[in-house]
Amino acid sequence: YSEGSGEQSANKMLPNNKPAGTVVTGPVTAPTVSTTEPNASSTSTSAPISAWRWPTDGKVIENFGASEGGNKGIDIAGSKGQAIVATADGRVVYAGNALRGYGNLIIIKHNDDYLSAYAHNDTMLVREQQEVKAGQKIATMGSTGTSSTRLHFEIRYKGKSVNPLRYLPQR
């Protein structure tokens, strides 16, 4: 995935720089190909972009802002008690209220590259280190740490805030 193009890169064949007819006498090993796509066979599950789902229903009332001091995610309006679900499979790495401005916050690690964060929850229904599945109810919407009922939702790629609307399906 390249940040500028919004496209995933396909695996490319590496050139075989040996002349035709060369006899290989040692063990044959596959070349190592480095891609930015997470390895689906790793111990932590991969969350391809097509697998992301909306964490709740409702209107986006505040968009992502890439500028310094801008919104690090999106805010979705809703009603107190409305279901908040995991956007992809993963493990809860934080469930608490110690981060100022986020209220009751849940952070899910999806793989080595991606985290998602769900802030201002009323009730948190998961605990740290718990495995969750995409679509599993993890919290109810609230207004902790903010003035109105909403979900503040972030996706982080390698620790950097990215626009969730680039990952979530069109609706």
Protein backbone atom coordinates (compact mmCIF):
# COMPACT_ATOMS: atom_id res chain seq x y z
CA TYR A 1 0.00 0.00 0.00
CA SER A 2 1.42 3.36 -0.86
CA GLU A 3 0.16 6.39 1.02
CA GLY A 4 -0.01 8.71 -2.01
CA SER A 5 -1.73 6.46 -4.53
CA GLY A 6 -4.22 4.68 -2.29
CA GLU A 7 -3.48 1.48 -4.22
CA GLN A 8 -2.09 -1.80 -3.05
CA SER A 9 1.08 -2.95 -4.78
CA ALA A 10 1.03 -6.38 -6.40
CA ASN A 11 3.86 -8.84 -5.84
CA LYS A 12 6.28 -8.53 -8.73
CA MET A 13 8.50 -11.31 -10.04
CA LEU A 14 12.16 -10.80 -9.25
CA PRO A 15 14.49 -11.22 -12.22
CA ASN A 16 16.49 -14.43 -12.33
CA ASN A 17 19.93 -13.17 -13.33
CA LYS A 18 21.28 -16.61 -14.24
CA PRO A 19 21.87 -17.48 -17.90
CA ALA A 20 19.54 -20.09 -19.40
CA GLY A 21 20.71 -23.65 -18.81
CA THR A 22 22.48 -22.92 -15.52
CA VAL A 23 22.47 -25.93 -13.19
CA VAL A 24 21.74 -25.11 -9.55
CA THR A 25 23.72 -27.38 -7.26
CA GLY A 26 22.70 -25.98 -3.84
CA PRO A 27 19.31 -25.96 -2.15
CA VAL A 28 16.69 -23.88 -3.93
CA THR A 29 15.11 -21.17 -1.80
CA ALA A 30 12.44 -18.69 -2.73
CA PRO A 31 13.61 -15.09 -2.98
CA THR A 32 12.54 -12.83 -0.16
CA VAL A 33 10.04 -10.27 -1.43
CA SER A 34 9.36 -7.31 0.80
CA THR A 35 5.94 -5.72 0.51
CA THR A 36 4.02 -3.34 2.68
CA GLU A 37 1.06 -5.73 2.75
CA PRO A 38 0.81 -7.51 6.12
CA ASN A 39 1.67 -11.21 6.03
CA ALA A 40 -1.58 -13.17 6.27
CA SER A 41 0.19 -16.17 7.81
CA SER A 42 1.68 -14.22 10.72
CA THR A 43 0.58 -14.99 14.26
CA SER A 44 -1.48 -11.81 14.44
CA THR A 45 -4.28 -11.81 11.91
CA SER A 46 -4.14 -9.62 8.85
CA ALA A 47 -6.89 -7.06 8.30
CA PRO A 48 -7.01 -6.28 4.60
CA ILE A 49 -8.66 -2.99 3.75
CA SER A 50 -11.64 -4.81 2.22
CA ALA A 51 -12.33 -6.44 5.62
CA TRP A 52 -12.76 -3.20 7.59
CA ARG A 53 -16.33 -2.42 8.63
CA TRP A 54 -18.04 0.62 10.12
CA PRO A 55 -17.84 0.64 13.93
CA THR A 56 -21.38 2.03 14.30
CA ASP A 57 -24.28 3.56 12.39
CA GLY A 58 -24.64 7.30 12.19
CA LYS A 59 -23.61 10.43 10.38
CA VAL A 60 -19.97 11.50 10.25
CA ILE A 61 -20.07 14.86 12.04
CA GLU A 62 -16.35 15.58 12.01
CA ASN A 63 -13.87 14.48 9.36
CA PHE A 64 -10.22 13.52 9.61
CA GLY A 65 -7.83 16.48 9.57
CA ALA A 66 -4.27 15.79 8.40
CA SER A 67 -2.95 19.16 9.55
CA GLU A 68 -1.10 19.68 12.84
CA GLY A 69 -3.74 19.78 15.57
CA GLY A 70 -6.39 18.37 13.21
CA ASN A 71 -8.83 15.57 14.07
CA LYS A 72 -6.87 12.30 14.23
CA GLY A 73 -9.94 10.30 13.22
CA ILE A 74 -13.62 10.77 12.44
CA ASP A 75 -16.52 11.49 14.77
CA ILE A 76 -19.83 9.67 14.24
CA ALA A 77 -23.05 10.94 15.85
CA GLY A 78 -25.43 8.55 17.55
CA SER A 79 -27.52 7.81 20.63
CA LYS A 80 -26.38 6.91 24.11
CA GLY A 81 -26.23 3.12 24.39
CA GLN A 82 -25.92 2.54 20.63
CA ALA A 83 -23.72 -0.47 19.73
CA ILE A 84 -20.04 0.04 18.88
CA VAL A 85 -18.44 -2.94 17.10
CA ALA A 86 -14.88 -3.98 16.27
CA THR A 87 -14.03 -2.93 12.72
CA ALA A 88 -11.77 -5.96 12.14
CA ASP A 89 -10.46 -8.99 14.03
CA GLY A 90 -7.81 -8.29 16.64
CA ARG A 91 -6.77 -8.10 20.29
CA VAL A 92 -7.78 -5.39 22.76
CA VAL A 93 -4.55 -3.70 23.87
CA TYR A 94 -6.16 -0.90 25.90
CA ALA A 95 -9.52 -0.45 27.64
CA GLY A 96 -9.60 2.45 30.07
CA ASN A 97 -9.98 6.18 30.58
CA ALA A 98 -6.45 7.42 31.34
CA LEU A 99 -5.90 9.22 28.01
CA ARG A 100 -7.18 12.76 28.43
CA GLY A 101 -9.77 13.88 25.90
CA TYR A 102 -10.79 10.36 24.84
CA GLY A 103 -13.05 9.37 27.75
CA ASN A 104 -13.64 5.62 27.93
CA LEU A 105 -11.30 4.38 25.20
CA ILE A 106 -10.76 0.99 23.57
CA ILE A 107 -7.76 0.29 21.32
CA ILE A 108 -7.60 -2.87 19.21
CA LYS A 109 -4.40 -4.15 17.59
CA HIS A 110 -5.29 -5.86 14.32
CA ASN A 111 -1.78 -6.86 13.22
CA ASP A 112 1.74 -5.48 13.49
CA ASP A 113 0.80 -2.42 11.42
CA TYR A 114 -2.80 -1.48 12.26
CA LEU A 115 -4.61 -0.28 15.40
CA SER A 116 -8.14 1.07 15.73
CA ALA A 117 -9.35 3.31 18.55
CA TYR A 118 -12.91 3.87 19.81
CA ALA A 119 -13.39 6.85 22.17
CA HIS A 120 -16.11 8.44 24.35
CA ASN A 121 -17.81 5.09 25.08
CA ASP A 122 -20.51 4.85 27.74
CA THR A 123 -19.96 1.17 28.62
CA MET A 124 -16.90 -0.88 27.65
CA LEU A 125 -17.77 -4.55 27.07
CA VAL A 126 -14.24 -5.92 26.48
CA ARG A 127 -11.07 -6.16 28.54
CA GLU A 128 -7.39 -5.84 27.70
CA GLN A 129 -5.83 -8.86 25.94
CA GLN A 130 -9.26 -10.11 24.84
CA GLU A 131 -9.47 -11.39 21.24
CA VAL A 132 -12.32 -9.81 19.25
CA LYS A 133 -13.90 -10.56 15.89
CA ALA A 134 -15.01 -8.07 13.24
CA GLY A 135 -18.58 -7.00 14.03
CA GLN A 136 -18.38 -8.03 17.71
CA LYS A 137 -20.01 -5.52 20.08
CA ILE A 138 -17.22 -3.98 22.17
CA ALA A 139 -18.91 -0.94 23.74
CA THR A 140 -21.93 1.32 23.84
CA MET A 141 -21.84 4.90 22.60
CA GLY A 142 -21.60 7.68 25.13
CA SER A 143 -20.21 11.13 25.81
CA THR A 144 -17.33 10.49 28.24
CA GLY A 145 -14.63 13.10 27.69
CA THR A 146 -16.75 15.13 25.25
CA SER A 147 -19.81 17.38 25.24
CA SER A 148 -22.13 15.30 23.04
CA THR A 149 -22.89 11.62 22.38
CA ARG A 150 -20.55 10.40 19.66
CA LEU A 151 -17.95 7.85 18.68
CA HIS A 152 -14.49 9.20 17.93
CA PHE A 153 -12.89 6.54 15.70
CA GLU A 154 -9.25 6.35 14.63
CA ILE A 155 -7.17 4.00 12.51
CA ARG A 156 -3.41 4.09 12.98
CA TYR A 157 -0.94 2.62 10.51
CA LYS A 158 2.50 2.02 12.05
CA GLY A 159 1.58 4.50 14.79
CA LYS A 160 0.51 7.28 12.44
CA SER A 161 -3.09 8.50 12.24
CA VAL A 162 -4.64 7.82 8.84
CA ASN A 163 -8.01 8.82 7.42
CA PRO A 164 -10.48 6.05 8.39
CA LEU A 165 -12.66 6.90 5.38
CA ARG A 166 -9.90 5.51 3.13
CA TYR A 167 -10.32 2.11 4.81
CA LEU A 168 -14.04 1.86 5.58
CA PRO A 169 -16.46 0.69 2.87
CA GLN A 170 -18.49 3.32 1.01
CA ARG A 171 -21.97 3.89 2.43
